[in-house]
Amino acid sequence: MALTEGAAPVSAATGSAREPERWRVHGASMTRRLQSWSEILAATHLAFDVRPTFRTPQDFRGAVTRRSIGELMLVDCTCSPWHGYRGSDQIGGRDSARQSEEILGFQFVCKGVEVVREGSRELALKAGDVVLWDGLQPTDVEIVEPFYKRTLLFPRDRVLSICPQLAELSALPSLDGSGSARLLVRYMNALATELPLLDHAGTLAAANAALELLRAAVEPRVPSSRSATRAAMRAEIRRYVRTHLQDPVLGPASIASAYAMSVRALHALFEDADTSVAGLVRSERLARCLQDLQRPNGGSVTDIAFRWGFCDAAHFSRVFKREFGATPSEIRQAAAT
């Protein structure tokens, strides 16, 4: 990625929804350019107190490219050396209103050297390294050499929904030597190329695949307590539900049978969850129906309802309107127009 000074204000470039957003440092002095960089980081990553080091050039340069993948963000960042700190003032500042710190970042270093101090761990990241970082952790960062990284930004709640054990850790696990982490790096690179060609459904599927790869990388490295084990079991059952939604008999009895437990034990597993087992099945089916209704080629309302396990079209319409505030036909008509 070339780094040339831009005269435009710090903002995303205009263009179609599939085009990446781009930011570039501008300003006549080092002070102004570093202030511009601070604004870019707050808009695309997290808020930092940005300072120069003896390595920072007078014509400091930095640029960010961001691509949206459903709820995920794929962010490319390249910059000259600088030093930044993210403490309680930044974490609890104006960013908190839009919850921008409620993210976990999966980062791959393409070029350069970055020294990171996060909580009790200190890392010297160089080309080829991967790291998982937490937007809620106070962090000290120094870019030692001209730097280029690619990062997938995950909403915290989505990651914890598939790997709930992370919520009990005081520090994130190392991903050194993880084959799943290396595969996720290759997947990120493929996404950067193929994302413009994906439709809405393909984009959602791509985001889910990235989440599953992250889970595969993180889960084996997380120690488990009883509560975390229960949460992990619920997450596993949610994945089972999502892959069996088209089965019209999917419900507590069939799920309990698949996991060799009683229906009573299954209900007990979900007694402290946000929803019951039956509610989980219903909400997942409704979410898939909504996706298909929003696709022009998704089929008729009845076809979609039966495709995702509803056996009664009238019942489907009632529960759909109760969930989304509009009938399936209204959603289909809006998508067609």
C-alpha atoms as a PDB file:
ATOM      1  CA  MET A   1       0.000   0.000   0.000  1.00  0.00           C
ATOM      2  CA  ALA A   2       1.514   3.304  -1.042  1.00  0.00           C
ATOM      3  CA  LEU A   3       1.743   6.096   1.507  1.00  0.00           C
ATOM      4  CA  THR A   4       1.368   9.482  -0.085  1.00  0.00           C
ATOM      5  CA  GLU A   5       0.084  12.592   1.611  1.00  0.00           C
ATOM      6  CA  GLY A   6      -3.547  13.393   0.966  1.00  0.00           C
ATOM      7  CA  ALA A   7      -5.131  16.819   1.113  1.00  0.00           C
ATOM      8  CA  ALA A   8      -8.635  15.567   1.901  1.00  0.00           C
ATOM      9  CA  PRO A   9      -9.926  15.598   5.486  1.00  0.00           C
ATOM     10  CA  VAL A  10      -9.756  12.410   7.523  1.00  0.00           C
ATOM     11  CA  SER A  11     -12.826  10.519   6.284  1.00  0.00           C
ATOM     12  CA  ALA A  12     -13.850   7.488   4.311  1.00  0.00           C
ATOM     13  CA  ALA A  13     -13.819   7.799   0.556  1.00  0.00           C
ATOM     14  CA  THR A  14     -17.155   7.803  -1.202  1.00  0.00           C
ATOM     15  CA  GLY A  15     -18.132   4.937  -3.473  1.00  0.00           C
ATOM     16  CA  SER A  16     -20.292   1.856  -3.687  1.00  0.00           C
ATOM     17  CA  ALA A  17     -21.073  -0.227  -0.607  1.00  0.00           C
ATOM     18  CA  ARG A  18     -18.640  -2.901  -1.773  1.00  0.00           C
ATOM     19  CA  GLU A  19     -15.689  -0.549  -2.175  1.00  0.00           C
ATOM     20  CA  PRO A  20     -13.283  -0.383   0.772  1.00  0.00           C
ATOM     21  CA  GLU A  21     -13.212   2.743   2.910  1.00  0.00           C
ATOM     22  CA  ARG A  22      -9.872   4.545   2.938  1.00  0.00           C
ATOM     23  CA  TRP A  23      -8.186   7.011   5.270  1.00  0.00           C
ATOM     24  CA  ARG A  24      -4.827   8.743   4.827  1.00  0.00           C
ATOM     25  CA  VAL A  25      -2.739  11.020   7.060  1.00  0.00           C
ATOM     26  CA  HIS A  26      -2.577  14.668   6.094  1.00  0.00           C
ATOM     27  CA  GLY A  27      -1.056  17.842   7.545  1.00  0.00           C
ATOM     28  CA  ALA A  28       1.912  20.145   7.044  1.00  0.00           C
ATOM     29  CA  SER A  29       3.731  19.431  10.338  1.00  0.00           C
ATOM     30  CA  MET A  30       4.576  16.287  12.287  1.00  0.00           C
ATOM     31  CA  THR A  31       2.260  17.423  15.088  1.00  0.00           C
ATOM     32  CA  ARG A  32      -0.685  17.827  12.735  1.00  0.00           C
ATOM     33  CA  ARG A  33       0.062  14.561  10.954  1.00  0.00           C
ATOM     34  CA  LEU A  34       0.167  12.644  14.238  1.00  0.00           C
ATOM     35  CA  GLN A  35      -3.111  14.275  15.275  1.00  0.00           C
ATOM     36  CA  SER A  36      -4.565  13.159  11.945  1.00  0.00           C
ATOM     37  CA  TRP A  37      -3.297   9.633  12.659  1.00  0.00           C
ATOM     38  CA  SER A  38      -4.919   9.669  16.098  1.00  0.00           C
ATOM     39  CA  GLU A  39      -8.251  10.577  14.472  1.00  0.00           C
ATOM     40  CA  ILE A  40      -7.876   7.793  11.912  1.00  0.00           C
ATOM     41  CA  LEU A  41      -7.124   5.186  14.592  1.00  0.00           C
ATOM     42  CA  ALA A  42     -10.149   6.287  16.650  1.00  0.00           C
ATOM     43  CA  ALA A  43     -12.373   5.964  13.562  1.00  0.00           C
ATOM     44  CA  THR A  44     -11.066   2.585  12.383  1.00  0.00           C
ATOM     45  CA  HIS A  45      -9.505   0.760  15.342  1.00  0.00           C
ATOM     46  CA  LEU A  46      -9.467   2.261  18.847  1.00  0.00           C
ATOM     47  CA  ALA A  47      -8.662   5.623  20.420  1.00  0.00           C
ATOM     48  CA  PHE A  48      -4.967   6.152  21.282  1.00  0.00           C
ATOM     49  CA  ASP A  49      -2.906   8.952  22.754  1.00  0.00           C
ATOM     50  CA  VAL A  50      -0.408   9.235  19.858  1.00  0.00           C
ATOM     51  CA  ARG A  51       3.111  10.566  20.473  1.00  0.00           C
ATOM     52  CA  PRO A  52       6.305  10.780  18.382  1.00  0.00           C
ATOM     53  CA  THR A  53       9.485   8.830  19.134  1.00  0.00           C
ATOM     54  CA  PHE A  54      13.039   9.518  18.018  1.00  0.00           C
ATOM     55  CA  ARG A  55      12.253   7.215  15.073  1.00  0.00           C
ATOM     56  CA  THR A  56       9.209   9.195  13.904  1.00  0.00           C
ATOM     57  CA  PRO A  57       9.975  11.020  10.620  1.00  0.00           C
ATOM     58  CA  GLN A  58       8.915  14.632  10.055  1.00  0.00           C
ATOM     59  CA  ASP A  59       6.768  13.500   7.121  1.00  0.00           C
ATOM     60  CA  PHE A  60       5.025  10.822   9.194  1.00  0.00           C
ATOM     61  CA  ARG A  61       2.806   8.702   6.982  1.00  0.00           C
ATOM     62  CA  GLY A  62      -0.096   6.412   7.676  1.00  0.00           C
ATOM     63  CA  ALA A  63      -3.061   4.926   5.853  1.00  0.00           C
ATOM     64  CA  VAL A  64      -5.950   2.579   6.632  1.00  0.00           C
ATOM     65  CA  THR A  65      -8.224   0.556   4.366  1.00  0.00           C
ATOM     66  CA  ARG A  66     -11.359  -1.011   5.851  1.00  0.00           C
ATOM     67  CA  ARG A  67     -13.764  -3.605   4.440  1.00  0.00           C
ATOM     68  CA  SER A  68     -17.061  -4.592   6.041  1.00  0.00           C
ATOM     69  CA  ILE A  69     -17.885  -8.320   6.331  1.00  0.00           C
ATOM     70  CA  GLY A  70     -21.272  -8.410   8.001  1.00  0.00           C
ATOM     71  CA  GLU A  71     -20.582  -7.461  11.624  1.00  0.00           C
ATOM     72  CA  LEU A  72     -16.832  -7.982  11.128  1.00  0.00           C
ATOM     73  CA  MET A  73     -14.285  -5.514   9.785  1.00  0.00           C
ATOM     74  CA  LEU A  74     -11.170  -6.373   7.782  1.00  0.00           C
ATOM     75  CA  VAL A  75      -8.684  -3.554   8.299  1.00  0.00           C
ATOM     76  CA  ASP A  76      -5.318  -2.943   6.621  1.00  0.00           C
ATOM     77  CA  CYS A  77      -3.050  -0.461   8.398  1.00  0.00           C
ATOM     78  CA  THR A  78       0.361   0.868   7.365  1.00  0.00           C
ATOM     79  CA  CYS A  79       2.373   3.610   9.071  1.00  0.00           C
ATOM     80  CA  SER A  80       5.711   5.127  10.049  1.00  0.00           C
ATOM     81  CA  PRO A  81       7.097   4.653  13.598  1.00  0.00           C
ATOM     82  CA  TRP A  82       5.109   6.200  16.487  1.00  0.00           C
ATOM     83  CA  HIS A  83       4.182   5.554  20.106  1.00  0.00           C
ATOM     84  CA  GLY A  84       0.658   5.252  21.456  1.00  0.00           C
ATOM     85  CA  TYR A  85      -1.057   4.621  24.749  1.00  0.00           C
ATOM     86  CA  ARG A  86      -4.610   3.483  25.381  1.00  0.00           C
ATOM     87  CA  GLY A  87      -5.620   3.822  29.015  1.00  0.00           C
ATOM     88  CA  SER A  88      -8.732   4.526  31.080  1.00  0.00           C
ATOM     89  CA  ASP A  89      -9.149   8.011  29.565  1.00  0.00           C
ATOM     90  CA  GLN A  90      -9.286   6.581  26.049  1.00  0.00           C
ATOM     91  CA  ILE A  91     -11.305   3.474  26.945  1.00  0.00           C
ATOM     92  CA  GLY A  92     -13.841   5.434  28.970  1.00  0.00           C
ATOM     93  CA  GLY A  93     -13.855   8.497  26.739  1.00  0.00           C
ATOM     94  CA  ARG A  94     -16.101   9.514  23.901  1.00  0.00           C
ATOM     95  CA  ASP A  95     -15.515   6.192  22.130  1.00  0.00           C
ATOM     96  CA  SER A  96     -17.576   4.393  24.748  1.00  0.00           C
ATOM     97  CA  ALA A  97     -20.742   6.021  23.436  1.00  0.00           C
ATOM     98  CA  ARG A  98     -20.483   3.991  20.234  1.00  0.00           C
ATOM     99  CA  GLN A  99     -18.960   0.972  22.016  1.00  0.00           C
ATOM    100  CA  SER A 100     -15.976   0.900  19.674  1.00  0.00           C
ATOM    101  CA  GLU A 101     -13.854  -0.805  22.331  1.00  0.00           C
ATOM    102  CA  GLU A 102     -16.224  -3.806  22.469  1.00  0.00           C
ATOM    103  CA  ILE A 103     -14.063  -5.653  19.945  1.00  0.00           C
ATOM    104  CA  LEU A 104     -11.433  -8.359  19.772  1.00  0.00           C
ATOM    105  CA  GLY A 105      -8.791  -8.054  17.071  1.00  0.00           C
ATOM    106  CA  PHE A 106      -7.077 -10.911  15.249  1.00  0.00           C
ATOM    107  CA  GLN A 107      -3.913  -9.304  13.851  1.00  0.00           C
ATOM    108  CA  PHE A 108      -1.358 -10.523  11.328  1.00  0.00           C
ATOM    109  CA  VAL A 109       1.899  -8.585  10.924  1.00  0.00           C
ATOM    110  CA  CYS A 110       2.866  -8.301   7.265  1.00  0.00           C
ATOM    111  CA  LYS A 111       5.910  -6.025   7.676  1.00  0.00           C
ATOM    112  CA  GLY A 112       7.851  -4.153  10.339  1.00  0.00           C
ATOM    113  CA  VAL A 113       8.170  -4.426  14.135  1.00  0.00           C
ATOM    114  CA  GLU A 114       5.628  -3.504  16.824  1.00  0.00           C
ATOM    115  CA  VAL A 115       6.178  -3.696  20.591  1.00  0.00           C
ATOM    116  CA  VAL A 116       2.924  -4.192  22.516  1.00  0.00           C
ATOM    117  CA  ARG A 117       2.348  -4.116  26.267  1.00  0.00           C
ATOM    118  CA  GLU A 118      -1.147  -5.284  27.200  1.00  0.00           C
ATOM    119  CA  GLY A 119      -1.894  -6.086  30.819  1.00  0.00           C
ATOM    120  CA  SER A 120       0.810  -8.435  32.084  1.00  0.00           C
ATOM    121  CA  ARG A 121       2.153  -9.468  28.686  1.00  0.00           C
ATOM    122  CA  GLU A 122       4.742  -7.774  26.460  1.00  0.00           C
ATOM    123  CA  LEU A 123       5.115  -8.805  22.836  1.00  0.00           C
ATOM    124  CA  ALA A 124       7.606  -7.883  20.131  1.00  0.00           C
ATOM    125  CA  LEU A 125       5.647  -8.571  16.950  1.00  0.00           C
ATOM    126  CA  LYS A 126       7.430  -8.949  13.641  1.00  0.00           C
ATOM    127  CA  ALA A 127       6.509 -10.014  10.115  1.00  0.00           C
ATOM    128  CA  GLY A 128       4.633 -13.328  10.146  1.00  0.00           C
ATOM    129  CA  ASP A 129       3.374 -13.078  13.756  1.00  0.00           C
ATOM    130  CA  VAL A 130      -0.288 -13.332  14.759  1.00  0.00           C
ATOM    131  CA  VAL A 131      -1.866 -12.011  17.938  1.00  0.00           C
ATOM    132  CA  LEU A 132      -5.313 -11.688  19.487  1.00  0.00           C
ATOM    133  CA  TRP A 133      -5.878  -8.384  21.293  1.00  0.00           C
ATOM    134  CA  ASP A 134      -8.633  -6.986  23.495  1.00  0.00           C
ATOM    135  CA  GLY A 135     -10.113  -3.525  22.958  1.00  0.00           C
ATOM    136  CA  LEU A 136     -10.942  -3.225  26.668  1.00  0.00           C
ATOM    137  CA  GLN A 137      -7.366  -3.776  27.867  1.00  0.00           C
ATOM    138  CA  PRO A 138      -5.067  -0.804  28.580  1.00  0.00           C
ATOM    139  CA  THR A 139      -2.404  -1.014  25.895  1.00  0.00           C
ATOM    140  CA  ASP A 140       0.968   0.568  25.163  1.00  0.00           C
ATOM    141  CA  VAL A 141       2.111   0.332  21.530  1.00  0.00           C
ATOM    142  CA  GLU A 142       5.341   1.361  19.828  1.00  0.00           C
ATOM    143  CA  ILE A 143       5.923   0.962  16.105  1.00  0.00           C
ATOM    144  CA  VAL A 144       9.681   0.460  15.847  1.00  0.00           C
ATOM    145  CA  GLU A 145       9.995   0.002  12.076  1.00  0.00           C
ATOM    146  CA  PRO A 146       7.693   1.046   9.200  1.00  0.00           C
ATOM    147  CA  PHE A 147       4.732  -1.203   9.732  1.00  0.00           C
ATOM    148  CA  TYR A 148       1.978  -2.987   7.801  1.00  0.00           C
ATOM    149  CA  LYS A 149      -0.645  -5.195   9.448  1.00  0.00           C
ATOM    150  CA  ARG A 150      -3.958  -6.810   8.539  1.00  0.00           C
ATOM    151  CA  THR A 151      -6.583  -7.216  11.273  1.00  0.00           C
ATOM    152  CA  LEU A 152     -10.015  -8.811  11.566  1.00  0.00           C
ATOM    153  CA  LEU A 153     -12.142  -6.930  14.097  1.00  0.00           C
ATOM    154  CA  PHE A 154     -14.741  -9.131  15.801  1.00  0.00           C
ATOM    155  CA  PRO A 155     -17.611  -7.875  17.990  1.00  0.00           C
ATOM    156  CA  ARG A 156     -16.884  -9.090  21.496  1.00  0.00           C
ATOM    157  CA  ASP A 157     -20.342 -10.575  22.004  1.00  0.00           C
ATOM    158  CA  ARG A 158     -20.094 -12.666  18.817  1.00  0.00           C
ATOM    159  CA  VAL A 159     -16.752 -14.133  19.883  1.00  0.00           C
ATOM    160  CA  LEU A 160     -17.966 -14.875  23.414  1.00  0.00           C
ATOM    161  CA  SER A 161     -21.072 -16.547  22.010  1.00  0.00           C
ATOM    162  CA  ILE A 162     -18.906 -19.194  20.317  1.00  0.00           C
ATOM    163  CA  CYS A 163     -16.025 -19.277  22.812  1.00  0.00           C
ATOM    164  CA  PRO A 164     -17.497 -18.243  26.180  1.00  0.00           C
ATOM    165  CA  GLN A 165     -14.435 -19.407  28.134  1.00  0.00           C
ATOM    166  CA  LEU A 166     -12.629 -16.247  27.012  1.00  0.00           C
ATOM    167  CA  ALA A 167     -14.834 -14.153  29.309  1.00  0.00           C
ATOM    168  CA  GLU A 168     -13.183 -15.750  32.365  1.00  0.00           C
ATOM    169  CA  LEU A 169      -9.583 -15.044  31.336  1.00  0.00           C
ATOM    170  CA  SER A 170      -7.518 -12.115  32.593  1.00  0.00           C
ATOM    171  CA  ALA A 171      -5.248 -12.332  29.510  1.00  0.00           C
ATOM    172  CA  LEU A 172      -5.878 -13.617  26.012  1.00  0.00           C
ATOM    173  CA  PRO A 173      -4.088 -16.821  24.981  1.00  0.00           C
ATOM    174  CA  SER A 174      -1.098 -16.929  22.650  1.00  0.00           C
ATOM    175  CA  LEU A 175      -1.799 -18.226  19.149  1.00  0.00           C
ATOM    176  CA  ASP A 176       1.818 -19.200  18.400  1.00  0.00           C
ATOM    177  CA  GLY A 177       1.977 -22.450  16.471  1.00  0.00           C
ATOM    178  CA  SER A 178      -1.769 -22.645  15.865  1.00  0.00           C
ATOM    179  CA  GLY A 179      -2.606 -24.178  12.498  1.00  0.00           C
ATOM    180  CA  SER A 180      -6.134 -22.734  12.690  1.00  0.00           C
ATOM    181  CA  ALA A 181      -4.692 -19.251  13.241  1.00  0.00           C
ATOM    182  CA  ARG A 182      -2.474 -19.603  10.179  1.00  0.00           C
ATOM    183  CA  LEU A 183      -5.468 -20.795   8.180  1.00  0.00           C
ATOM    184  CA  LEU A 184      -7.424 -17.734   9.356  1.00  0.00           C
ATOM    185  CA  VAL A 185      -4.590 -15.527   8.062  1.00  0.00           C
ATOM    186  CA  ARG A 186      -4.888 -17.129   4.623  1.00  0.00           C
ATOM    187  CA  TYR A 187      -8.644 -16.751   4.817  1.00  0.00           C
ATOM    188  CA  MET A 188      -8.296 -13.018   5.598  1.00  0.00           C
ATOM    189  CA  ASN A 189      -6.119 -12.588   2.524  1.00  0.00           C
ATOM    190  CA  ALA A 190      -8.670 -14.427   0.380  1.00  0.00           C
ATOM    191  CA  LEU A 191     -11.473 -12.273   1.778  1.00  0.00           C
ATOM    192  CA  ALA A 192      -9.648  -9.084   0.793  1.00  0.00           C
ATOM    193  CA  THR A 193      -9.657 -10.328  -2.806  1.00  0.00           C
ATOM    194  CA  GLU A 194     -13.067 -11.986  -3.058  1.00  0.00           C
ATOM    195  CA  LEU A 195     -15.230  -9.718  -0.905  1.00  0.00           C
ATOM    196  CA  PRO A 196     -16.306  -7.413  -3.783  1.00  0.00           C
ATOM    197  CA  LEU A 197     -17.814 -10.453  -5.540  1.00  0.00           C
ATOM    198  CA  LEU A 198     -19.887 -11.703  -2.586  1.00  0.00           C
ATOM    199  CA  ASP A 199     -23.606 -11.042  -2.268  1.00  0.00           C
ATOM    200  CA  HIS A 200     -25.324 -10.426   1.069  1.00  0.00           C
ATOM    201  CA  ALA A 201     -25.771 -14.114   1.873  1.00  0.00           C
ATOM    202  CA  GLY A 202     -22.183 -14.884   0.870  1.00  0.00           C
ATOM    203  CA  THR A 203     -20.903 -12.089   3.096  1.00  0.00           C
ATOM    204  CA  LEU A 204     -22.801 -13.423   6.116  1.00  0.00           C
ATOM    205  CA  ALA A 205     -21.481 -16.917   5.434  1.00  0.00           C
ATOM    206  CA  ALA A 206     -17.937 -15.528   5.156  1.00  0.00           C
ATOM    207  CA  ALA A 207     -18.271 -13.790   8.534  1.00  0.00           C
ATOM    208  CA  ASN A 208     -19.530 -16.982  10.173  1.00  0.00           C
ATOM    209  CA  ALA A 209     -16.640 -18.964   8.682  1.00  0.00           C
ATOM    210  CA  ALA A 210     -14.151 -16.455  10.095  1.00  0.00           C
ATOM    211  CA  LEU A 211     -15.735 -16.780  13.539  1.00  0.00           C
ATOM    212  CA  GLU A 212     -15.484 -20.571  13.399  1.00  0.00           C
ATOM    213  CA  LEU A 213     -11.815 -20.405  12.410  1.00  0.00           C
ATOM    214  CA  LEU A 214     -11.140 -18.039  15.310  1.00  0.00           C
ATOM    215  CA  ARG A 215     -12.906 -20.440  17.675  1.00  0.00           C
ATOM    216  CA  ALA A 216     -10.822 -23.331  16.375  1.00  0.00           C
ATOM    217  CA  ALA A 217      -7.652 -21.320  17.026  1.00  0.00           C
ATOM    218  CA  VAL A 218      -8.581 -20.066  20.497  1.00  0.00           C
ATOM    219  CA  GLU A 219     -10.658 -22.787  22.158  1.00  0.00           C
ATOM    220  CA  PRO A 220      -7.919 -25.442  22.563  1.00  0.00           C
ATOM    221  CA  ARG A 221      -5.734 -22.894  24.410  1.00  0.00           C
ATOM    222  CA  VAL A 222      -8.297 -21.839  26.999  1.00  0.00           C
ATOM    223  CA  PRO A 223      -8.505 -23.595  30.397  1.00  0.00           C
ATOM    224  CA  SER A 224     -12.031 -24.565  31.324  1.00  0.00           C
ATOM    225  CA  SER A 225     -14.076 -24.217  34.521  1.00  0.00           C
ATOM    226  CA  ARG A 226     -17.474 -25.796  35.164  1.00  0.00           C
ATOM    227  CA  SER A 227     -19.383 -22.656  34.146  1.00  0.00           C
ATOM    228  CA  ALA A 228     -17.211 -22.277  31.057  1.00  0.00           C
ATOM    229  CA  THR A 229     -17.797 -25.939  30.194  1.00  0.00           C
ATOM    230  CA  ARG A 230     -21.559 -25.410  30.391  1.00  0.00           C
ATOM    231  CA  ALA A 231     -21.301 -22.295  28.244  1.00  0.00           C
ATOM    232  CA  ALA A 232     -19.154 -24.147  25.711  1.00  0.00           C
ATOM    233  CA  MET A 233     -21.724 -26.950  25.581  1.00  0.00           C
ATOM    234  CA  ARG A 234     -24.486 -24.441  24.894  1.00  0.00           C
ATOM    235  CA  ALA A 235     -22.370 -22.906  22.138  1.00  0.00           C
ATOM    236  CA  GLU A 236     -21.890 -26.358  20.614  1.00  0.00           C
ATOM    237  CA  ILE A 237     -25.650 -26.991  20.702  1.00  0.00           C
ATOM    238  CA  ARG A 238     -26.255 -23.638  19.018  1.00  0.00           C
ATOM    239  CA  ARG A 239     -23.939 -24.722  16.194  1.00  0.00           C
ATOM    240  CA  TYR A 240     -25.837 -28.026  15.956  1.00  0.00           C
ATOM    241  CA  VAL A 241     -29.129 -26.153  15.734  1.00  0.00           C
ATOM    242  CA  ARG A 242     -27.839 -23.899  12.944  1.00  0.00           C
ATOM    243  CA  THR A 243     -26.784 -26.888  10.846  1.00  0.00           C
ATOM    244  CA  HIS A 244     -30.080 -28.783  11.321  1.00  0.00           C
ATOM    245  CA  LEU A 245     -32.636 -26.004  10.910  1.00  0.00           C
ATOM    246  CA  GLN A 246     -34.138 -27.602   7.803  1.00  0.00           C
ATOM    247  CA  ASP A 247     -35.145 -30.683   9.799  1.00  0.00           C
ATOM    248  CA  PRO A 248     -38.834 -30.116  10.702  1.00  0.00           C
ATOM    249  CA  VAL A 249     -38.532 -32.324  13.819  1.00  0.00           C
ATOM    250  CA  LEU A 250     -35.617 -30.321  15.241  1.00  0.00           C
ATOM    251  CA  GLY A 251     -36.468 -29.537  18.844  1.00  0.00           C
ATOM    252  CA  PRO A 252     -35.533 -30.361  22.441  1.00  0.00           C
ATOM    253  CA  ALA A 253     -36.154 -34.106  22.024  1.00  0.00           C
ATOM    254  CA  SER A 254     -34.044 -34.529  18.877  1.00  0.00           C
ATOM    255  CA  ILE A 255     -31.267 -32.298  20.227  1.00  0.00           C
ATOM    256  CA  ALA A 256     -31.127 -34.171  23.526  1.00  0.00           C
ATOM    257  CA  SER A 257     -30.960 -37.458  21.628  1.00  0.00           C
ATOM    258  CA  ALA A 258     -28.095 -36.184  19.457  1.00  0.00           C
ATOM    259  CA  TYR A 259     -26.068 -35.342  22.589  1.00  0.00           C
ATOM    260  CA  ALA A 260     -27.048 -38.476  24.542  1.00  0.00           C
ATOM    261  CA  MET A 261     -28.732 -36.562  27.337  1.00  0.00           C
ATOM    262  CA  SER A 262     -32.246 -36.346  28.689  1.00  0.00           C
ATOM    263  CA  VAL A 263     -34.596 -33.565  27.646  1.00  0.00           C
ATOM    264  CA  ARG A 264     -34.674 -32.488  31.295  1.00  0.00           C
ATOM    265  CA  ALA A 265     -30.864 -32.182  31.374  1.00  0.00           C
ATOM    266  CA  LEU A 266     -30.948 -30.176  28.143  1.00  0.00           C
ATOM    267  CA  HIS A 267     -33.456 -27.719  29.580  1.00  0.00           C
ATOM    268  CA  ALA A 268     -31.350 -27.453  32.760  1.00  0.00           C
ATOM    269  CA  LEU A 269     -28.301 -26.601  30.630  1.00  0.00           C
ATOM    270  CA  PHE A 270     -30.175 -23.591  29.216  1.00  0.00           C
ATOM    271  CA  GLU A 271     -31.907 -22.483  32.411  1.00  0.00           C
ATOM    272  CA  ASP A 272     -29.424 -19.621  32.952  1.00  0.00           C
ATOM    273  CA  ALA A 273     -29.165 -18.721  29.239  1.00  0.00           C
ATOM    274  CA  ASP A 274     -30.930 -15.861  27.470  1.00  0.00           C
ATOM    275  CA  THR A 275     -33.395 -18.162  25.742  1.00  0.00           C
ATOM    276  CA  SER A 276     -34.823 -21.659  25.992  1.00  0.00           C
ATOM    277  CA  VAL A 277     -33.922 -24.471  23.602  1.00  0.00           C
ATOM    278  CA  ALA A 278     -37.207 -24.108  21.734  1.00  0.00           C
ATOM    279  CA  GLY A 279     -36.721 -20.340  21.611  1.00  0.00           C
ATOM    280  CA  LEU A 280     -33.225 -20.825  20.193  1.00  0.00           C
ATOM    281  CA  VAL A 281     -34.535 -23.055  17.399  1.00  0.00           C
ATOM    282  CA  ARG A 282     -37.330 -20.617  16.589  1.00  0.00           C
ATOM    283  CA  SER A 283     -35.091 -17.505  16.528  1.00  0.00           C
ATOM    284  CA  GLU A 284     -32.465 -19.191  14.345  1.00  0.00           C
ATOM    285  CA  ARG A 285     -35.134 -20.349  11.879  1.00  0.00           C
ATOM    286  CA  LEU A 286     -36.667 -16.889  11.755  1.00  0.00           C
ATOM    287  CA  ALA A 287     -33.250 -15.316  11.141  1.00  0.00           C
ATOM    288  CA  ARG A 288     -32.619 -17.625   8.158  1.00  0.00           C
ATOM    289  CA  CYS A 289     -36.112 -16.943   6.797  1.00  0.00           C
ATOM    290  CA  LEU A 290     -35.469 -13.201   7.062  1.00  0.00           C
ATOM    291  CA  GLN A 291     -32.223 -13.561   5.086  1.00  0.00           C
ATOM    292  CA  ASP A 292     -33.967 -15.509   2.305  1.00  0.00           C
ATOM    293  CA  LEU A 293     -36.905 -13.106   2.194  1.00  0.00           C
ATOM    294  CA  GLN A 294     -34.473 -10.250   1.618  1.00  0.00           C
ATOM    295  CA  ARG A 295     -32.945 -12.052  -1.376  1.00  0.00           C
ATOM    296  CA  PRO A 296     -34.801 -11.487  -4.671  1.00  0.00           C
ATOM    297  CA  ASN A 297     -34.250 -15.132  -5.662  1.00  0.00           C
ATOM    298  CA  GLY A 298     -35.028 -16.608  -2.246  1.00  0.00           C
ATOM    299  CA  GLY A 299     -38.337 -18.150  -3.308  1.00  0.00           C
ATOM    300  CA  SER A 300     -41.922 -17.660  -2.196  1.00  0.00           C
ATOM    301  CA  VAL A 301     -42.870 -17.004   1.420  1.00  0.00           C
ATOM    302  CA  THR A 302     -44.248 -20.532   1.757  1.00  0.00           C
ATOM    303  CA  ASP A 303     -41.159 -22.101   0.163  1.00  0.00           C
ATOM    304  CA  ILE A 304     -38.905 -20.225   2.573  1.00  0.00           C
ATOM    305  CA  ALA A 305     -40.975 -21.157   5.614  1.00  0.00           C
ATOM    306  CA  PHE A 306     -40.934 -24.863   4.734  1.00  0.00           C
ATOM    307  CA  ARG A 307     -37.254 -24.729   3.759  1.00  0.00           C
ATOM    308  CA  TRP A 308     -36.292 -23.694   7.281  1.00  0.00           C
ATOM    309  CA  GLY A 309     -38.460 -26.138   9.190  1.00  0.00           C
ATOM    310  CA  PHE A 310     -41.802 -24.365   9.622  1.00  0.00           C
ATOM    311  CA  CYS A 311     -44.685 -26.721   8.830  1.00  0.00           C
ATOM    312  CA  ASP A 312     -47.549 -24.207   8.980  1.00  0.00           C
ATOM    313  CA  ALA A 313     -47.425 -21.042   6.845  1.00  0.00           C
ATOM    314  CA  ALA A 314     -49.997 -19.195   8.975  1.00  0.00           C
ATOM    315  CA  HIS A 315     -48.098 -19.958  12.183  1.00  0.00           C
ATOM    316  CA  PHE A 316     -44.870 -18.848  10.504  1.00  0.00           C
ATOM    317  CA  SER A 317     -46.392 -15.494   9.526  1.00  0.00           C
ATOM    318  CA  ARG A 318     -47.602 -14.859  13.072  1.00  0.00           C
ATOM    319  CA  VAL A 319     -44.309 -15.603  14.809  1.00  0.00           C
ATOM    320  CA  PHE A 320     -42.355 -13.749  12.113  1.00  0.00           C
ATOM    321  CA  LYS A 321     -44.384 -10.558  12.574  1.00  0.00           C
ATOM    322  CA  ARG A 322     -44.087 -10.860  16.358  1.00  0.00           C
ATOM    323  CA  GLU A 323     -40.286 -11.124  16.008  1.00  0.00           C
ATOM    324  CA  PHE A 324     -39.615  -8.483  13.339  1.00  0.00           C
ATOM    325  CA  GLY A 325     -42.659  -6.206  13.389  1.00  0.00           C
ATOM    326  CA  ALA A 326     -43.537  -6.894   9.747  1.00  0.00           C
ATOM    327  CA  THR A 327     -45.105  -9.784   7.859  1.00  0.00           C
ATOM    328  CA  PRO A 328     -43.011 -12.037   5.600  1.00  0.00           C
ATOM    329  CA  SER A 329     -44.912 -10.668   2.580  1.00  0.00           C
ATOM    330  CA  GLU A 330     -44.004  -7.100   3.538  1.00  0.00           C
ATOM    331  CA  ILE A 331     -40.324  -8.027   3.808  1.00  0.00           C
ATOM    332  CA  ARG A 332     -40.477  -9.838   0.462  1.00  0.00           C
ATOM    333  CA  GLN A 333     -42.165  -6.848  -1.215  1.00  0.00           C
ATOM    334  CA  ALA A 334     -39.588  -4.432   0.190  1.00  0.00           C
ATOM    335  CA  ALA A 335     -36.765  -6.635  -1.136  1.00  0.00           C
ATOM    336  CA  ALA A 336     -38.365  -6.800  -4.582  1.00  0.00           C
ATOM    337  CA  THR A 337     -38.590  -3.037  -4.842  1.00  0.00           C
END
